[in-house]
Protein backbone atom coordinates (compact mmCIF):
# COMPACT_ATOMS: atom_id res chain seq x y z
CA UNK A 1 0.00 0.00 0.00
CA UNK A 2 1.51 3.31 -1.09
CA UNK A 3 2.36 6.28 1.07
CA UNK A 4 -0.49 8.46 -0.17
CA UNK A 5 -3.12 5.70 -0.04
CA UNK A 6 -2.14 4.15 3.29
CA UNK A 7 -4.69 6.17 5.27
CA UNK A 8 -7.45 6.16 2.68
CA UNK A 9 -10.80 7.21 4.22
CA UNK A 10 -9.17 8.35 7.50
CA UNK A 11 -9.49 12.06 8.27
CA UNK A 12 -6.30 14.08 7.98
CA UNK A 13 -6.26 15.11 11.64
CA UNK A 14 -6.08 11.48 12.79
CA UNK A 15 -3.49 10.70 10.12
CA UNK A 16 -1.28 13.51 11.44
CA UNK A 17 -1.74 12.41 15.06
CA UNK A 18 -0.71 8.84 14.24
CA UNK A 19 2.32 9.89 12.17
CA UNK A 20 3.52 12.50 14.68
CA UNK A 21 3.10 10.15 17.64
CA UNK A 22 4.94 7.33 15.86
CA UNK A 23 7.76 9.60 14.66
CA UNK A 24 8.25 10.90 18.19
CA UNK A 25 8.19 7.44 19.80
CA UNK A 26 10.65 5.86 17.37
CA UNK A 27 12.91 8.89 17.52
CA UNK A 28 13.01 8.88 21.32
CA UNK A 29 13.34 5.14 21.91
CA UNK A 30 14.57 3.54 18.71
CA UNK A 31 12.88 0.65 16.95
CA UNK A 32 13.37 -2.05 19.58
CA UNK A 33 12.17 -0.03 22.57
CA UNK A 34 9.38 1.89 20.84
CA UNK A 35 5.91 0.98 22.16
CA UNK A 36 2.81 0.81 20.00
CA UNK A 37 0.80 1.21 23.21
CA UNK A 38 2.45 4.60 23.75
CA UNK A 39 1.88 5.54 20.11
CA UNK A 40 -1.87 4.90 20.25
CA UNK A 41 -2.11 6.66 23.63
CA UNK A 42 -0.31 9.72 22.28
CA UNK A 43 -2.35 9.68 19.06
CA UNK A 44 -5.62 9.27 20.95
CA UNK A 45 -6.78 6.26 18.95
CA UNK A 46 -7.53 2.59 19.63
CA UNK A 47 -4.86 -0.02 19.04
CA UNK A 48 -7.17 -1.78 16.59
CA UNK A 49 -7.12 1.29 14.37
CA UNK A 50 -3.31 1.37 14.31
CA UNK A 51 -3.06 -2.28 13.32
CA UNK A 52 -5.82 -1.90 10.76
CA UNK A 53 -3.47 0.36 8.79
CA UNK A 54 -0.19 -1.28 9.82
CA UNK A 55 0.12 -5.04 10.23
CA UNK A 56 3.17 -4.87 12.50
CA UNK A 57 5.40 -2.38 14.30
CA UNK A 58 8.01 -2.94 11.60
CA UNK A 59 5.43 -2.15 8.92
CA UNK A 60 4.78 1.18 10.66
CA UNK A 61 8.50 1.87 11.06
CA UNK A 62 9.26 1.24 7.38
CA UNK A 63 6.28 3.38 6.39
CA UNK A 64 7.64 6.28 8.45
CA UNK A 65 11.06 6.01 6.81
CA UNK A 66 9.52 6.04 3.33
CA UNK A 67 7.20 8.87 4.39
CA UNK A 68 10.19 10.98 5.48
CA UNK A 69 12.28 10.16 2.41
CA UNK A 70 9.37 11.06 0.13
CA UNK A 71 8.97 14.31 2.06
CA UNK A 72 12.64 15.15 1.47
CA UNK A 73 12.19 14.35 -2.20
CA UNK A 74 9.03 16.40 -2.75
CA UNK A 75 9.34 19.27 -0.28
CA UNK A 76 13.09 19.79 -0.30
CA UNK A 77 14.71 18.60 -3.52
CA UNK A 78 11.83 19.76 -5.74
CA UNK A 79 12.07 23.24 -4.18
CA UNK A 80 15.67 23.63 -5.37
CA UNK A 81 16.03 25.81 -8.45
CA UNK A 82 18.31 23.67 -10.62
CA UNK A 83 18.01 26.23 -13.42
CA UNK A 84 20.26 28.64 -11.51
CA UNK A 85 23.57 28.29 -13.41
CA UNK A 86 25.83 29.85 -10.76
CA UNK A 87 26.95 27.04 -8.44
CA UNK A 88 27.59 29.25 -5.41
CA UNK A 89 24.38 31.23 -5.93
CA UNK A 90 22.52 27.93 -6.04
CA UNK A 91 24.20 26.95 -2.76
CA UNK A 92 22.92 30.16 -1.16
CA UNK A 93 19.37 29.41 -2.34
CA UNK A 94 19.60 25.85 -1.09
CA UNK A 95 20.44 27.09 2.41
CA UNK A 96 17.20 29.09 2.45
CA UNK A 97 15.19 26.11 1.17
CA UNK A 98 16.81 23.76 3.68
CA UNK A 99 16.23 26.06 6.68
CA UNK A 100 12.57 26.45 5.71
CA UNK A 101 12.20 22.70 5.29
CA UNK A 102 13.82 21.95 8.65
CA UNK A 103 11.66 24.47 10.49
CA UNK A 104 8.40 23.12 9.02
CA UNK A 105 9.10 19.40 9.47
CA UNK A 106 10.92 19.00 12.81
CA UNK A 107 9.51 15.61 13.85
CA UNK A 108 10.16 13.98 10.48
CA UNK A 109 13.69 15.41 10.33
CA UNK A 110 14.41 14.32 13.89
CA UNK A 111 13.28 10.78 13.08
CA UNK A 112 15.18 10.31 9.82
CA UNK A 113 18.27 12.08 11.17
CA UNK A 114 18.35 9.77 14.18
CA UNK A 115 18.47 6.81 11.81
CA UNK A 116 21.12 8.28 9.48
CA UNK A 117 23.32 9.96 12.09
CA UNK A 118 23.40 6.85 14.26
CA UNK A 119 23.96 4.49 11.30
CA UNK A 120 20.66 2.68 11.88
CA UNK A 121 20.00 2.15 8.19
CA UNK A 122 18.34 -1.15 7.39
CA UNK A 123 20.05 -3.04 4.57
CA UNK A 124 16.76 -3.08 2.62
CA UNK A 125 16.70 0.72 2.63
CA UNK A 126 20.26 1.39 1.49
CA UNK A 127 19.39 1.34 -2.20
CA UNK A 128 16.43 3.68 -1.60
CA UNK A 129 18.57 6.15 0.32
CA UNK A 130 21.37 5.90 -2.26
CA UNK A 131 18.86 6.71 -5.02
CA UNK A 132 17.64 9.70 -3.01
CA UNK A 133 21.20 10.97 -2.59
CA UNK A 134 21.71 10.65 -6.35
CA UNK A 135 18.54 12.67 -6.98
CA UNK A 136 19.75 15.32 -4.56
CA UNK A 137 23.22 15.39 -6.13
CA UNK A 138 21.73 16.03 -9.56
CA UNK A 139 19.52 18.83 -8.23
CA UNK A 140 22.41 20.47 -6.38
CA UNK A 141 25.25 20.04 -8.86
CA UNK A 142 23.60 19.56 -12.26
CA UNK A 143 23.45 22.17 -15.07
CA UNK A 144 26.27 24.36 -13.73
CA UNK A 145 27.81 27.14 -15.84
CA UNK A 146 31.56 26.84 -15.27
CA UNK A 147 32.35 30.12 -17.02
CA UNK A 148 31.83 31.85 -13.66
CA UNK A 149 35.13 30.33 -12.55
CA UNK A 150 38.43 32.12 -13.07
CA UNK A 151 39.97 31.27 -16.42
CA UNK A 152 43.37 30.56 -14.86
CA UNK A 153 42.17 27.63 -12.75
CA UNK A 154 41.35 24.03 -13.53
CA UNK A 155 37.53 23.93 -13.72
CA UNK A 156 37.07 20.28 -12.71
CA UNK A 157 39.47 20.52 -9.78
CA UNK A 158 37.80 23.74 -8.64
CA UNK A 159 34.37 22.13 -8.84
CA UNK A 160 35.68 19.18 -6.78
CA UNK A 161 37.18 21.52 -4.17
CA UNK A 162 33.87 23.36 -3.80
CA UNK A 163 31.89 20.13 -3.61
CA UNK A 164 34.28 18.57 -1.09
CA UNK A 165 34.19 21.72 1.02
CA UNK A 166 30.39 21.71 1.13
CA UNK A 167 30.16 17.98 1.83
CA UNK A 168 32.87 18.28 4.49
CA UNK A 169 30.96 21.09 6.18
CA UNK A 170 27.77 18.99 6.18
CA UNK A 171 29.64 16.00 7.65
CA UNK A 172 31.04 18.23 10.39
CA UNK A 173 27.51 19.43 11.18
CA UNK A 174 26.30 15.83 11.35
CA UNK A 175 29.05 15.10 13.85
CA UNK A 176 28.17 18.14 15.97
CA UNK A 177 24.42 17.53 15.89
CA UNK A 178 24.50 13.78 16.53
CA UNK A 179 22.19 12.92 19.43
CA UNK A 180 20.65 16.40 19.64
CA UNK A 181 16.98 17.33 19.31
CA UNK A 182 17.03 18.97 15.89
CA UNK A 183 13.71 20.74 16.46
CA UNK A 184 15.29 22.77 19.29
CA UNK A 185 18.26 24.03 17.26
CA UNK A 186 18.55 27.58 15.96
CA UNK A 187 19.75 27.05 12.42
CA UNK A 188 20.30 30.74 11.66
CA UNK A 189 23.88 30.74 12.96
CA UNK A 190 24.73 27.68 10.87
CA UNK A 191 23.21 29.31 7.79
CA UNK A 192 25.21 32.50 8.36
CA UNK A 193 28.42 30.53 8.83
CA UNK A 194 27.79 28.58 5.62
CA UNK A 195 27.17 31.80 3.68
CA UNK A 196 30.48 33.14 4.98
CA UNK A 197 32.22 30.11 3.47
CA UNK A 198 30.38 30.75 0.20
CA UNK A 199 31.81 34.28 0.15
CA UNK A 200 35.33 32.93 0.68
CA UNK A 201 34.92 30.42 -2.16
CA UNK A 202 33.55 33.12 -4.47
CA UNK A 203 36.62 35.26 -3.80
CA UNK A 204 38.99 32.36 -4.37
CA UNK A 205 37.47 30.73 -7.42
CA UNK A 206 35.27 33.23 -9.28
CA UNK A 207 36.17 35.96 -11.76
Foldseek 3Di string as FASTA:
>chain_A
DDLVCLQPPPDPLLVVLLLLLLLVQCLVQNQVPRDLVSSCVSSVHDSVVVCVSAVDSVSVVVSLLVVLLVCCVPQQLVPQDLQPQALLVSVLVSLVSVVVSCQVDQSSCSRNLLCVLVVVDDPVCPVVVVVSVVSSCCSNPPNHDQLQWDPPDDSVVLVVVVVCVVVVLVVVVSVVCHPHRSNPDDCPVVSVVVVVVSVVSSVVTGD
